[in-house]
Structures are given as C-alpha cells and as structure tokens.
Protein backbone atom coordinates (compact mmCIF):
# COMPACT_ATOMS: atom_id res chain seq x y z
CA MET A 1 -89.22 81.75 20.64
CA ILE A 2 -87.62 82.18 24.03
CA GLY A 3 -85.77 79.29 25.60
CA HIS A 4 -83.78 78.63 28.73
CA SER A 5 -81.38 76.07 27.23
CA GLU A 6 -78.51 76.57 24.82
CA GLN A 7 -80.37 75.00 21.90
CA ILE A 8 -83.92 74.25 20.81
CA LEU A 9 -84.93 70.60 21.19
CA SER A 10 -82.49 70.31 24.08
CA GLN A 11 -83.01 66.55 24.37
CA GLN A 12 -81.99 65.98 20.75
CA ASN A 13 -78.66 65.70 19.00
CA PRO A 14 -77.17 69.22 18.58
CA ASP A 15 -76.86 68.76 14.80
CA ILE A 16 -80.57 67.90 14.50
CA ALA A 17 -81.56 70.81 16.74
CA SER A 18 -79.43 73.20 14.69
CA ALA A 19 -80.94 71.99 11.41
CA VAL A 20 -84.50 72.39 12.74
CA GLN A 21 -83.70 75.86 14.09
CA THR A 22 -82.26 76.90 10.72
CA LEU A 23 -85.42 75.76 8.92
CA LEU A 24 -87.66 77.62 11.37
CA GLU A 25 -85.55 80.78 11.08
CA ARG A 26 -85.98 80.65 7.30
CA ASP A 27 -89.73 80.74 7.96
CA GLY A 28 -89.30 83.92 10.00
CA ILE A 29 -89.20 82.50 13.52
CA ASN A 30 -86.62 84.18 15.74
CA PHE A 31 -84.93 82.49 18.69
CA LEU A 32 -83.60 83.96 21.90
CA LEU A 33 -81.86 81.19 23.82
CA LYS A 34 -80.17 80.96 27.23
CA VAL A 35 -82.79 83.32 28.66
CA LYS A 36 -84.16 83.43 32.18
CA VAL A 37 -87.63 84.99 32.29
CA LEU A 38 -87.92 87.18 35.38
CA ARG A 39 -91.41 88.60 34.98
CA VAL A 40 -94.30 88.88 32.54
CA GLU A 41 -96.86 91.63 33.03
CA ARG A 42 -100.01 92.54 31.14
CA ALA A 43 -100.89 96.24 31.13
CA LEU A 44 -103.84 97.42 29.07
CA HIS A 45 -102.96 96.46 25.48
CA ALA A 46 -99.31 95.54 26.07
CA THR A 47 -97.37 92.60 27.43
CA VAL A 48 -94.07 93.36 29.14
CA LEU A 49 -91.44 90.64 29.45
CA GLN A 50 -88.51 91.17 31.78
CA SER A 51 -85.73 88.68 31.22
CA GLU A 52 -82.05 88.06 31.82
CA VAL A 53 -79.59 86.99 29.15
CA ALA A 54 -76.12 86.11 30.43
CA ASP A 55 -75.13 89.19 32.43
CA LEU A 56 -77.66 91.49 30.74
CA THR A 57 -81.17 92.38 31.92
CA PHE A 58 -83.71 93.89 29.54
CA CYS A 59 -87.41 94.43 29.05
CA THR A 60 -89.42 93.82 25.91
CA LYS A 61 -92.82 95.44 25.41
CA LYS A 62 -95.27 94.19 22.84
CA ASN A 63 -98.48 96.03 22.00
C-alpha cells in the first residue's frame, strides 16, 4: 500500500491506525507512507511507478 499521509487511516486515532497496520502487515501487506506519486506508466507487461519519499526519488517496476 502506498500512502501520502504519515499513517494509514489518517482520520483515525494514531493508536488505532497503528494497530490496524500491524495486523495487515502480519498478513503480508507492506506499507510505504509519506509518498508523493510523480508518475505511473504502463509499458507492455510492466507498470512503472515514479515516486518521491522525503528527499529521495525512485522508480519501481512491476512485471
């Protein structure tokens, strides 16, 4: 999961959001928070996501 805010369920109490995130992570869901998506491209059989995290910029390619 990719999110722009500092926590999942940003409108909820931080303790509740943290507990829900922990349960989801135990089920194998990964979180990347405080991310600004710059671009998403589809090329043949791959999706390329360009995003910015804090002062870093990186690309992720998924086939």
